[in-house]
Each structure stands twice: as structure tokens, then as C-alpha cells.
C-alpha atoms as a PDB file:
ATOM      1  CA  MET A   1       1.120 -52.857  39.886  1.00  0.00           C
ATOM      2  CA  GLN A   2       1.648 -54.304  43.306  1.00  0.00           C
ATOM      3  CA  LEU A   3      -0.259 -57.540  43.540  1.00  0.00           C
ATOM      4  CA  ASP A   4      -0.798 -57.044  46.456  1.00  0.00           C
ATOM      5  CA  VAL A   5      -2.723 -53.904  46.920  1.00  0.00           C
ATOM      6  CA  LEU A   6      -4.657 -55.515  43.900  1.00  0.00           C
ATOM      7  CA  VAL A   7      -5.273 -58.310  46.147  1.00  0.00           C
ATOM      8  CA  ASP A   8      -6.753 -56.483  48.729  1.00  0.00           C
ATOM      9  CA  GLU A   9      -9.054 -54.617  46.421  1.00  0.00           C
ATOM     10  CA  VAL A  10     -11.291 -57.298  45.575  1.00  0.00           C
ATOM     11  CA  LEU A  11     -10.936 -59.232  49.439  1.00  0.00           C
ATOM     12  CA  LYS A  12     -12.556 -55.493  50.512  1.00  0.00           C
ATOM     13  CA  LEU A  13     -15.098 -56.021  47.808  1.00  0.00           C
ATOM     14  CA  ILE A  14     -16.371 -59.533  48.176  1.00  0.00           C
ATOM     15  CA  GLN A  15     -15.848 -60.573  51.469  1.00  0.00           C
ATOM     16  CA  ASN A  16     -19.113 -59.064  53.113  1.00  0.00           C
ATOM     17  CA  THR A  17     -20.785 -60.527  50.329  1.00  0.00           C
ATOM     18  CA  ILE A  18     -19.935 -64.281  49.452  1.00  0.00           C
ATOM     19  CA  PRO A  19     -22.143 -66.959  51.496  1.00  0.00           C
ATOM     20  CA  SER A  20     -21.331 -67.051  55.960  1.00  0.00           C
ATOM     21  CA  ASN A  21     -20.292 -70.522  55.249  1.00  0.00           C
ATOM     22  CA  ILE A  22     -17.307 -69.812  53.621  1.00  0.00           C
ATOM     23  CA  SER A  23     -14.275 -69.004  55.208  1.00  0.00           C
ATOM     24  CA  VAL A  24     -11.920 -65.745  53.236  1.00  0.00           C
ATOM     25  CA  LYS A  25      -7.926 -66.511  53.767  1.00  0.00           C
ATOM     26  CA  LYS A  26      -5.341 -65.071  52.627  1.00  0.00           C
ATOM     27  CA  GLU A  27      -1.379 -66.404  52.595  1.00  0.00           C
ATOM     28  CA  VAL A  28       0.371 -62.964  51.139  1.00  0.00           C
ATOM     29  CA  GLU A  29       4.885 -63.225  51.005  1.00  0.00           C
ATOM     30  CA  LEU A  30       6.441 -59.421  51.878  1.00  0.00           C
ATOM     31  CA  ASP A  31       8.153 -57.651  49.928  1.00  0.00           C
ATOM     32  CA  LEU A  32       7.469 -58.653  46.611  1.00  0.00           C
ATOM     33  CA  PRO A  33       8.254 -57.751  43.314  1.00  0.00           C
ATOM     34  CA  GLN A  34       6.691 -54.859  41.387  1.00  0.00           C
ATOM     35  CA  ILE A  35       4.758 -56.641  37.885  1.00  0.00           C
ATOM     36  CA  TRP A  36       3.826 -54.708  34.939  1.00  0.00           C
ATOM     37  CA  GLY A  37       0.274 -55.086  34.001  1.00  0.00           C
ATOM     38  CA  MET A  38      -3.202 -53.666  32.992  1.00  0.00           C
ATOM     39  CA  PRO A  39      -4.732 -53.219  37.627  1.00  0.00           C
ATOM     40  CA  ASN A  40      -8.450 -53.222  35.958  1.00  0.00           C
ATOM     41  CA  GLU A  41      -8.011 -56.329  33.866  1.00  0.00           C
ATOM     42  CA  ILE A  42      -5.688 -58.572  36.125  1.00  0.00           C
ATOM     43  CA  HIS A  43      -9.539 -57.222  38.892  1.00  0.00           C
ATOM     44  CA  GLN A  44     -11.146 -58.478  36.388  1.00  0.00           C
ATOM     45  CA  VAL A  45      -9.364 -61.902  36.165  1.00  0.00           C
ATOM     46  CA  LEU A  46      -9.297 -61.845  40.298  1.00  0.00           C
ATOM     47  CA  LEU A  47     -12.570 -60.961  41.158  1.00  0.00           C
ATOM     48  CA  ASN A  48     -14.063 -63.848  38.540  1.00  0.00           C
ATOM     49  CA  LEU A  49     -11.870 -66.303  39.494  1.00  0.00           C
ATOM     50  CA  CYS A  50     -13.042 -66.350  43.379  1.00  0.00           C
ATOM     51  CA  ILE A  51     -16.507 -65.570  42.589  1.00  0.00           C
ATOM     52  CA  ASN A  52     -16.319 -69.066  40.757  1.00  0.00           C
ATOM     53  CA  ALA A  53     -14.614 -70.691  43.585  1.00  0.00           C
ATOM     54  CA  SER A  54     -17.986 -69.006  45.850  1.00  0.00           C
ATOM     55  CA  GLY A  55     -19.538 -70.707  43.843  1.00  0.00           C
ATOM     56  CA  ALA A  56     -18.303 -74.308  44.339  1.00  0.00           C
ATOM     57  CA  MET A  57     -19.189 -73.905  47.153  1.00  0.00           C
ATOM     58  CA  LYS A  58     -22.564 -74.226  47.732  1.00  0.00           C
ATOM     59  CA  ASP A  59     -22.660 -76.217  51.108  1.00  0.00           C
ATOM     60  CA  GLY A  60     -19.689 -74.029  52.425  1.00  0.00           C
ATOM     61  CA  GLY A  61     -16.058 -73.824  52.135  1.00  0.00           C
ATOM     62  CA  THR A  62     -12.557 -72.093  52.203  1.00  0.00           C
ATOM     63  CA  LEU A  63     -11.350 -69.265  49.863  1.00  0.00           C
ATOM     64  CA  THR A  64      -7.790 -68.938  49.788  1.00  0.00           C
ATOM     65  CA  ILE A  65      -6.191 -66.017  47.403  1.00  0.00           C
ATOM     66  CA  SER A  66      -2.141 -65.983  47.543  1.00  0.00           C
ATOM     67  CA  LEU A  67       0.611 -64.102  46.661  1.00  0.00           C
ATOM     68  CA  LYS A  68       4.263 -65.379  46.087  1.00  0.00           C
ATOM     69  CA  LYS A  69       7.499 -65.714  43.703  1.00  0.00           C
ATOM     70  CA  ASN A  70       8.345 -68.584  42.017  1.00  0.00           C
ATOM     71  CA  ASN A  71       9.392 -72.110  43.638  1.00  0.00           C
ATOM     72  CA  ASP A  72       8.296 -73.596  40.059  1.00  0.00           C
ATOM     73  CA  SER A  73      11.144 -75.045  38.080  1.00  0.00           C
ATOM     74  CA  SER A  74       9.607 -76.278  35.159  1.00  0.00           C
ATOM     75  CA  GLN A  75       8.566 -72.046  34.933  1.00  0.00           C
ATOM     76  CA  LYS A  76      11.180 -70.461  33.636  1.00  0.00           C
ATOM     77  CA  GLY A  77      12.001 -66.706  34.255  1.00  0.00           C
ATOM     78  CA  ASP A  78      11.165 -64.135  37.844  1.00  0.00           C
ATOM     79  CA  LEU A  79       7.468 -64.663  38.480  1.00  0.00           C
ATOM     80  CA  ILE A  80       4.707 -64.081  40.944  1.00  0.00           C
ATOM     81  CA  VAL A  81       1.983 -66.289  41.101  1.00  0.00           C
ATOM     82  CA  LEU A  82      -1.301 -65.841  41.703  1.00  0.00           C
ATOM     83  CA  SER A  83      -3.587 -68.329  43.309  1.00  0.00           C
ATOM     84  CA  VAL A  84      -7.070 -68.870  43.933  1.00  0.00           C
ATOM     85  CA  CYS A  85      -8.077 -72.351  45.373  1.00  0.00           C
ATOM     86  CA  ASP A  86     -11.435 -73.542  47.193  1.00  0.00           C
ATOM     87  CA  THR A  87     -12.134 -76.184  48.907  1.00  0.00           C
ATOM     88  CA  GLY A  88     -15.635 -76.549  46.971  1.00  0.00           C
ATOM     89  CA  LYS A  89     -16.890 -80.086  44.771  1.00  0.00           C
ATOM     90  CA  GLY A  90     -13.851 -80.148  42.444  1.00  0.00           C
ATOM     91  CA  ILE A  91     -13.955 -80.647  38.769  1.00  0.00           C
ATOM     92  CA  GLU A  92     -13.856 -83.584  36.504  1.00  0.00           C
ATOM     93  CA  SER A  93     -11.356 -85.084  34.106  1.00  0.00           C
ATOM     94  CA  ASP A  94     -12.801 -84.994  31.398  1.00  0.00           C
ATOM     95  CA  ILE A  95     -15.009 -81.507  32.180  1.00  0.00           C
ATOM     96  CA  LEU A  96     -10.698 -80.411  33.420  1.00  0.00           C
ATOM     97  CA  GLU A  97      -8.971 -80.770  30.204  1.00  0.00           C
ATOM     98  CA  ARG A  98     -11.693 -78.528  28.356  1.00  0.00           C
ATOM     99  CA  ILE A  99     -12.891 -75.413  30.758  1.00  0.00           C
ATOM    100  CA  PHE A 100     -10.017 -72.392  28.344  1.00  0.00           C
ATOM    101  CA  ASP A 101     -11.471 -73.688  25.328  1.00  0.00           C
ATOM    102  CA  PRO A 102     -13.982 -70.885  23.919  1.00  0.00           C
ATOM    103  CA  PHE A 103     -17.902 -71.404  24.509  1.00  0.00           C
ATOM    104  CA  PHE A 104     -17.367 -73.804  26.847  1.00  0.00           C
ATOM    105  CA  THR A 105     -18.703 -74.091  30.405  1.00  0.00           C
ATOM    106  CA  THR A 106     -20.272 -76.946  31.939  1.00  0.00           C
ATOM    107  CA  LYS A 107     -23.685 -74.031  33.861  1.00  0.00           C
ATOM    108  CA  GLU A 108     -26.644 -73.996  32.667  1.00  0.00           C
ATOM    109  CA  ILE A 109     -28.378 -70.233  31.312  1.00  0.00           C
ATOM    110  CA  GLY A 110     -28.768 -67.823  34.333  1.00  0.00           C
ATOM    111  CA  GLU A 111     -25.674 -69.641  36.206  1.00  0.00           C
ATOM    112  CA  GLY A 112     -22.636 -67.598  34.556  1.00  0.00           C
ATOM    113  CA  SER A 113     -20.730 -66.089  36.716  1.00  0.00           C
ATOM    114  CA  GLY A 114     -18.172 -63.741  35.179  1.00  0.00           C
ATOM    115  CA  LEU A 115     -15.925 -64.372  32.083  1.00  0.00           C
ATOM    116  CA  GLY A 116     -15.663 -66.914  30.675  1.00  0.00           C
ATOM    117  CA  LEU A 117     -12.331 -69.232  31.279  1.00  0.00           C
ATOM    118  CA  SER A 118     -10.627 -68.579  27.800  1.00  0.00           C
ATOM    119  CA  VAL A 119     -11.400 -64.629  28.270  1.00  0.00           C
ATOM    120  CA  VAL A 120      -9.250 -65.090  31.690  1.00  0.00           C
ATOM    121  CA  GLN A 121      -6.151 -66.829  30.447  1.00  0.00           C
ATOM    122  CA  GLY A 122      -6.850 -65.003  27.480  1.00  0.00           C
ATOM    123  CA  ILE A 123      -6.376 -62.030  29.617  1.00  0.00           C
ATOM    124  CA  VAL A 124      -3.441 -63.167  31.481  1.00  0.00           C
ATOM    125  CA  GLN A 125      -1.472 -64.488  28.816  1.00  0.00           C
ATOM    126  CA  GLN A 126      -1.635 -60.694  27.673  1.00  0.00           C
ATOM    127  CA  HIS A 127       0.351 -59.596  30.326  1.00  0.00           C
ATOM    128  CA  GLY A 128       2.612 -62.722  29.380  1.00  0.00           C
ATOM    129  CA  GLY A 129       1.809 -64.994  32.039  1.00  0.00           C
ATOM    130  CA  ASN A 130      -0.090 -68.681  32.658  1.00  0.00           C
ATOM    131  CA  ILE A 131      -2.505 -69.716  34.386  1.00  0.00           C
ATOM    132  CA  GLU A 132      -2.888 -73.821  35.216  1.00  0.00           C
ATOM    133  CA  VAL A 133      -5.315 -75.456  37.537  1.00  0.00           C
ATOM    134  CA  ASP A 134      -5.720 -78.266  39.413  1.00  0.00           C
ATOM    135  CA  SER A 135      -8.255 -80.163  40.643  1.00  0.00           C
ATOM    136  CA  GLN A 136     -10.475 -83.150  42.837  1.00  0.00           C
ATOM    137  CA  VAL A 137     -13.477 -84.359  42.452  1.00  0.00           C
ATOM    138  CA  GLY A 138     -14.823 -83.985  46.072  1.00  0.00           C
ATOM    139  CA  LYS A 139     -11.222 -81.299  47.705  1.00  0.00           C
ATOM    140  CA  GLY A 140     -11.565 -78.855  45.319  1.00  0.00           C
ATOM    141  CA  SER A 141     -10.023 -76.439  43.344  1.00  0.00           C
ATOM    142  CA  ALA A 142      -6.715 -74.344  42.880  1.00  0.00           C
ATOM    143  CA  PHE A 143      -5.703 -71.957  40.150  1.00  0.00           C
ATOM    144  CA  HIS A 144      -2.424 -70.574  39.504  1.00  0.00           C
ATOM    145  CA  ILE A 145      -2.101 -67.172  38.102  1.00  0.00           C
ATOM    146  CA  TYR A 146       2.572 -67.190  36.894  1.00  0.00           C
ATOM    147  CA  LEU A 147       2.711 -63.239  35.534  1.00  0.00           C
ATOM    148  CA  PRO A 148       6.628 -62.693  34.992  1.00  0.00           C
ATOM    149  CA  VAL A 149       7.953 -59.663  37.472  1.00  0.00           C
ATOM    150  CA  SER A 150       8.882 -56.487  35.726  1.00  0.00           C
ATOM    151  CA  GLN A 151      12.594 -56.372  34.795  1.00  0.00           C
ATOM    152  CA  LYS A 152      14.191 -53.673  36.770  1.00  0.00           C
ATOM    153  CA  GLU A 153      12.169 -52.107  40.152  1.00  0.00           C
ATOM    154  CA  THR A 154      10.583 -48.391  39.134  1.00  0.00           C
ATOM    155  CA  LYS A 155       8.352 -46.182  41.201  1.00  0.00           C
ATOM    156  CA  LEU A 156       5.289 -46.517  41.069  1.00  0.00           C
ATOM    157  CA  LEU A 157       3.709 -44.032  39.279  1.00  0.00           C
ATOM    158  CA  THR A 158       1.467 -41.081  41.421  1.00  0.00           C
ATOM    159  CA  LYS A 159      -0.840 -40.653  38.181  1.00  0.00           C
ATOM    160  CA  LYS A 160      -3.817 -38.888  38.536  1.00  0.00           C
ATOM    161  CA  THR A 161      -6.270 -41.840  38.278  1.00  0.00           C
ATOM    162  CA  LYS A 162      -9.888 -40.887  36.767  1.00  0.00           C
ATOM    163  CA  SER A 163     -12.308 -40.076  39.671  1.00  0.00           C
ATOM    164  CA  LEU A 164     -15.754 -42.077  40.281  1.00  0.00           C
ATOM    165  CA  SER A 165     -18.758 -40.610  39.262  1.00  0.00           C
ATOM    166  CA  LYS A 166     -20.928 -40.383  42.700  1.00  0.00           C
ATOM    167  CA  GLY A 167     -24.702 -41.099  41.588  1.00  0.00           C
ATOM    168  CA  ASN A 168     -27.613 -39.769  43.653  1.00  0.00           C
ATOM    169  CA  GLY A 169     -30.167 -42.173  41.180  1.00  0.00           C
ATOM    170  CA  ARG A 170     -33.004 -44.861  42.774  1.00  0.00           C
ATOM    171  CA  VAL A 171     -31.244 -48.469  40.706  1.00  0.00           C
ATOM    172  CA  LEU A 172     -33.078 -51.617  40.293  1.00  0.00           C
ATOM    173  CA  LEU A 173     -30.831 -54.148  39.961  1.00  0.00           C
ATOM    174  CA  VAL A 174     -31.375 -57.810  38.808  1.00  0.00           C
ATOM    175  CA  ASP A 175     -29.011 -60.619  38.467  1.00  0.00           C
ATOM    176  CA  ASP A 176     -29.465 -64.626  39.328  1.00  0.00           C
ATOM    177  CA  SER A 177     -26.686 -65.120  41.098  1.00  0.00           C
ATOM    178  CA  ASP A 178     -26.129 -64.240  44.746  1.00  0.00           C
ATOM    179  CA  VAL A 179     -22.592 -63.390  44.743  1.00  0.00           C
ATOM    180  CA  VAL A 180     -22.972 -61.222  41.754  1.00  0.00           C
ATOM    181  CA  LEU A 181     -26.291 -58.734  42.946  1.00  0.00           C
ATOM    182  CA  LEU A 182     -24.381 -58.613  46.395  1.00  0.00           C
ATOM    183  CA  VAL A 183     -20.946 -57.221  45.087  1.00  0.00           C
ATOM    184  CA  THR A 184     -22.910 -55.513  42.149  1.00  0.00           C
ATOM    185  CA  LYS A 185     -24.869 -54.081  44.728  1.00  0.00           C
ATOM    186  CA  ARG A 186     -22.272 -53.154  47.155  1.00  0.00           C
ATOM    187  CA  MET A 187     -19.845 -51.629  43.881  1.00  0.00           C
ATOM    188  CA  LEU A 188     -22.983 -49.321  43.494  1.00  0.00           C
ATOM    189  CA  GLU A 189     -23.768 -48.675  47.173  1.00  0.00           C
ATOM    190  CA  ASN A 190     -20.209 -47.421  46.885  1.00  0.00           C
ATOM    191  CA  LEU A 191     -20.736 -45.224  44.122  1.00  0.00           C
ATOM    192  CA  GLY A 192     -23.588 -43.084  45.977  1.00  0.00           C
ATOM    193  CA  TYR A 193     -26.778 -44.708  44.381  1.00  0.00           C
ATOM    194  CA  LYS A 194     -29.928 -46.991  46.594  1.00  0.00           C
ATOM    195  CA  VAL A 195     -30.191 -50.087  45.241  1.00  0.00           C
ATOM    196  CA  THR A 196     -33.269 -53.062  45.582  1.00  0.00           C
ATOM    197  CA  ALA A 197     -31.280 -55.755  44.360  1.00  0.00           C
ATOM    198  CA  PHE A 198     -33.719 -58.823  43.279  1.00  0.00           C
ATOM    199  CA  LEU A 199     -32.248 -62.680  42.381  1.00  0.00           C
ATOM    200  CA  ASP A 200     -35.740 -63.453  40.984  1.00  0.00           C
ATOM    201  CA  CYS A 201     -36.672 -61.544  37.559  1.00  0.00           C
ATOM    202  CA  ILE A 202     -39.942 -62.643  38.671  1.00  0.00           C
ATOM    203  CA  GLU A 203     -40.069 -60.325  41.576  1.00  0.00           C
ATOM    204  CA  ALA A 204     -38.404 -57.756  40.150  1.00  0.00           C
ATOM    205  CA  LEU A 205     -41.265 -56.818  37.620  1.00  0.00           C
ATOM    206  CA  GLU A 206     -43.782 -57.242  39.284  1.00  0.00           C
ATOM    207  CA  GLU A 207     -41.581 -54.862  42.277  1.00  0.00           C
ATOM    208  CA  PHE A 208     -41.356 -52.674  38.985  1.00  0.00           C
ATOM    209  CA  SER A 209     -44.528 -52.885  37.917  1.00  0.00           C
ATOM    210  CA  LYS A 210     -46.102 -51.603  41.495  1.00  0.00           C
ATOM    211  CA  TYR A 211     -43.998 -48.968  41.444  1.00  0.00           C
ATOM    212  CA  PRO A 212     -42.681 -48.321  38.474  1.00  0.00           C
ATOM    213  CA  LYS A 213     -41.951 -43.868  39.284  1.00  0.00           C
ATOM    214  CA  LYS A 214     -39.327 -45.182  41.858  1.00  0.00           C
ATOM    215  CA  PHE A 215     -36.242 -46.584  40.487  1.00  0.00           C
ATOM    216  CA  ASP A 216     -34.426 -44.684  37.845  1.00  0.00           C
ATOM    217  CA  LEU A 217     -32.688 -46.819  36.084  1.00  0.00           C
ATOM    218  CA  VAL A 218     -32.776 -50.865  35.547  1.00  0.00           C
ATOM    219  CA  ILE A 219     -29.515 -53.158  35.665  1.00  0.00           C
ATOM    220  CA  THR A 220     -30.495 -56.141  34.691  1.00  0.00           C
ATOM    221  CA  ASP A 221     -27.848 -59.333  34.240  1.00  0.00           C
ATOM    222  CA  TYR A 222     -28.264 -61.095  30.593  1.00  0.00           C
ATOM    223  CA  GLY A 223     -29.010 -65.119  30.958  1.00  0.00           C
ATOM    224  CA  MET A 224     -31.354 -65.968  33.951  1.00  0.00           C
ATOM    225  CA  PRO A 225     -33.337 -68.978  34.019  1.00  0.00           C
ATOM    226  CA  GLN A 226     -37.338 -66.973  33.273  1.00  0.00           C
ATOM    227  CA  MET A 227     -36.734 -65.044  30.407  1.00  0.00           C
ATOM    228  CA  ASN A 228     -33.261 -62.961  29.480  1.00  0.00           C
ATOM    229  CA  GLY A 229     -31.845 -59.705  29.538  1.00  0.00           C
ATOM    230  CA  LYS A 230     -34.142 -58.759  26.288  1.00  0.00           C
ATOM    231  CA  GLN A 231     -36.689 -60.293  27.196  1.00  0.00           C
ATOM    232  CA  MET A 232     -36.664 -58.196  30.679  1.00  0.00           C
ATOM    233  CA  THR A 233     -35.319 -55.333  28.816  1.00  0.00           C
ATOM    234  CA  GLU A 234     -39.265 -55.505  26.553  1.00  0.00           C
ATOM    235  CA  LYS A 235     -41.557 -56.447  29.457  1.00  0.00           C
ATOM    236  CA  LEU A 236     -39.638 -53.204  31.721  1.00  0.00           C
ATOM    237  CA  LYS A 237     -40.025 -50.853  28.927  1.00  0.00           C
ATOM    238  CA  GLU A 238     -44.092 -51.523  28.389  1.00  0.00           C
ATOM    239  CA  ILE A 239     -44.448 -50.305  31.627  1.00  0.00           C
ATOM    240  CA  SER A 240     -42.443 -47.676  31.306  1.00  0.00           C
ATOM    241  CA  ILE A 241     -41.411 -46.831  27.728  1.00  0.00           C
ATOM    242  CA  ASP A 242     -38.853 -44.399  29.313  1.00  0.00           C
ATOM    243  CA  ILE A 243     -37.133 -46.784  31.821  1.00  0.00           C
ATOM    244  CA  PRO A 244     -33.082 -46.228  31.692  1.00  0.00           C
ATOM    245  CA  VAL A 245     -31.562 -49.859  30.917  1.00  0.00           C
ATOM    246  CA  ILE A 246     -28.646 -51.329  31.406  1.00  0.00           C
ATOM    247  CA  LEU A 247     -27.455 -54.428  30.065  1.00  0.00           C
ATOM    248  CA  TYR A 248     -24.893 -56.831  32.938  1.00  0.00           C
ATOM    249  CA  THR A 249     -23.494 -59.555  31.685  1.00  0.00           C
ATOM    250  CA  GLY A 250     -20.941 -62.662  31.161  1.00  0.00           C
ATOM    251  CA  TYR A 251     -21.975 -63.784  27.802  1.00  0.00           C
ATOM    252  CA  GLY A 252     -19.955 -60.324  25.945  1.00  0.00           C
ATOM    253  CA  ASN A 253     -18.805 -62.570  23.110  1.00  0.00           C
ATOM    254  CA  LEU A 254     -23.016 -62.977  22.319  1.00  0.00           C
ATOM    255  CA  VAL A 255     -24.744 -59.876  22.575  1.00  0.00           C
ATOM    256  CA  ALA A 256     -22.711 -57.085  21.013  1.00  0.00           C
ATOM    257  CA  LYS A 257     -23.301 -53.225  21.369  1.00  0.00           C
ATOM    258  CA  ALA A 258     -25.018 -52.837  18.455  1.00  0.00           C
ATOM    259  CA  ASP A 259     -27.893 -55.786  19.701  1.00  0.00           C
ATOM    260  CA  VAL A 260     -28.463 -54.140  22.847  1.00  0.00           C
ATOM    261  CA  SER A 261     -29.179 -50.794  20.653  1.00  0.00           C
ATOM    262  CA  LEU A 262     -31.340 -52.557  18.660  1.00  0.00           C
ATOM    263  CA  TRP A 263     -33.160 -53.720  21.586  1.00  0.00           C
ATOM    264  CA  LYS A 264     -33.142 -50.386  23.555  1.00  0.00           C
ATOM    265  CA  ILE A 265     -30.849 -50.946  25.664  1.00  0.00           C
ATOM    266  CA  ASN A 266     -28.909 -48.174  26.670  1.00  0.00           C
ATOM    267  CA  ASP A 267     -25.530 -49.571  27.786  1.00  0.00           C
ATOM    268  CA  LEU A 268     -23.542 -53.232  28.013  1.00  0.00           C
ATOM    269  CA  LEU A 269     -21.588 -54.205  30.556  1.00  0.00           C
ATOM    270  CA  ILE A 270     -19.663 -57.111  30.770  1.00  0.00           C
ATOM    271  CA  LYS A 271     -19.172 -58.791  34.229  1.00  0.00           C
ATOM    272  CA  PRO A 272     -17.380 -58.833  36.223  1.00  0.00           C
ATOM    273  CA  CYS A 273     -16.613 -54.677  35.641  1.00  0.00           C
ATOM    274  CA  ASN A 274     -14.505 -52.520  37.956  1.00  0.00           C
ATOM    275  CA  LEU A 275     -16.068 -49.647  40.822  1.00  0.00           C
ATOM    276  CA  GLN A 276     -14.862 -46.902  37.280  1.00  0.00           C
ATOM    277  CA  THR A 277     -16.025 -49.454  34.447  1.00  0.00           C
ATOM    278  CA  LEU A 278     -19.138 -48.973  36.334  1.00  0.00           C
ATOM    279  CA  SER A 279     -19.226 -45.441  38.310  1.00  0.00           C
ATOM    280  CA  ASP A 280     -18.837 -44.177  34.436  1.00  0.00           C
ATOM    281  CA  THR A 281     -21.085 -46.378  32.707  1.00  0.00           C
ATOM    282  CA  LEU A 282     -24.374 -45.465  35.272  1.00  0.00           C
ATOM    283  CA  ALA A 283     -23.143 -41.858  34.655  1.00  0.00           C
ATOM    284  CA  GLY A 284     -23.158 -42.204  30.653  1.00  0.00           C
ATOM    285  CA  VAL A 285     -26.746 -43.028  31.097  1.00  0.00           C
ATOM    286  CA  LEU A 286     -27.762 -40.517  34.008  1.00  0.00           C
ATOM    287  CA  LYS A 287     -26.562 -37.883  32.483  1.00  0.00           C
ATOM    288  CA  ASP A 288     -29.200 -36.386  30.800  1.00  0.00           C
ATOM    289  CA  ILE A 289     -31.915 -37.845  33.243  1.00  0.00           C
ATOM    290  CA  LYS A 290     -33.203 -35.901  36.215  1.00  0.00           C
ATOM    291  CA  ILE A 291     -33.618 -37.668  38.913  1.00  0.00           C
ATOM    292  CA  LYS A 292     -36.212 -37.779  41.384  1.00  0.00           C
END
């Protein structure tokens, strides 16, 4: 895979969705070698780091994605460095030592934006790479992902990719992270869905109770301040027992497929997901539902 192509894909997703007080910069060297990797997984890692960086700059700043050949002599082998840098609040030194620990978070329930950093680290390590972070309180953070270059240049495969399932349903989307909400809304609209989005689950419930027939599907975050996704689903089903619900969560280690079945939730999405996964999941849930 060519990482510069993946960087462009993620930039298209985030540039018009992150707050306007955050500027986005791209610094990519030309003629970079290929790496062996799973594009969907690296896409998730990069999108998650960008969302986290945006969340660290509540008062504005600059998000920089860079891609270059490795010049760090302490790293072994031929590597490409993929970096996500922000000018946000930075990370305290005592916390910095723990950010890759499983289940560790400084965020309250409802502030989680995507994959935990331990999962991000795991994906990078599965690709034969490693991830490092530099941070200064008050000045920002930089996450550097080192990925090994393919040992031989190969012609990029032009294999047939699975086509995206376009939709025409009406989706109620609920997530208390503004960046996640906007990115997901844009992805759904690109797939053809009409989307009504809410940051506040109480307001979303009020809208649904007034116009239950206005929606064909609900996608709800799991960890929200007023109620979790399970409680949200119970409220929705009280209003309309047949409404399909997809749980969208960054707490994949806390919620299993078996749980969502017991909770009468139709499917589970782990955030941030790529367009193909989003497309397939909605198509699967809506396949037997007649869209009005």
C-alpha cells in the first residue's frame, strides 16, 4: 500500500468536519516507498489520532499530518514515519507513561472519541512497527508511527474492491463528540443516507418521540453523559419497538456482540470505522426493511 493515498483519504474526511478554528496541514515527501499493510486498519489508526488531536485543541490550533522517510538512527531498518501533531494542551508527564496501557483513559464517559491508544499501538505492532509520542504541556503532542518499508517494490495490485452499498434511508445519528458526529454524518451522506444528527441524546429522543416514522434507523454512541447506548435503545424501543438500532462505540473491549443482541440492538460498529464497514453494516441491518 501507498501511505500517501491513505493520508489523502483521511484528510478528505476530516478537513470540512473538524472545528473551523483548527487548521490542517499536510507534509508528505515525494516518491515514498510502499509498505505492507492493511489499509482499513491503518486508516482507523490515523483517523483516531486525528480525532484525538482535534479534541486536544478546544481553543483552536494546527493539526499536522506528515509522512516521510525515517532519519532517526535509533530506529532499525528502512522505515516510513507517519506523524500526527497538534498544538493543543499537551499531556502531563505522569500520564504520558500510561497512555498506551489497556483501559487507561483520562476522559469521562462520553468523551471517548474512538479506539483506545492501546488498540492503536496493537495495530501498529501487528504491522511490524512501533509508535512513540512526544508531548509538552501547553504546547501540544506528536504521535509518530514507524512502519517498515516493503523489502521489494511491487506493482500495486488493482484487485477488484467490494462495491459500497449505497442507501436511501433516513438515519438518526447520536454522538456527544462533535468531530465524530460530523465525520460520521458526512460518511453516511456520501453513502446516500439522509441524516439528522444530535450531540445531545435527550434532544434526539425528543425528536424521535415527535416523529418516529421520520426515521428508518438509529445509530447511537454507547458512552454518553446522560445515558448509555443500552439505555438509549430501551427508550427508543418504548416509542417504536421495530426501529433498528446500531450501537457505535469506541469501547469495543467493554461491549460484545452478545451484549447487543440481548439489548435488542441490531448491530455493533467499532469507531472510528471506514466507509466500507459503515456501508456493509447499514446494508445488512436495512436489507429486510422497506424504506418509505
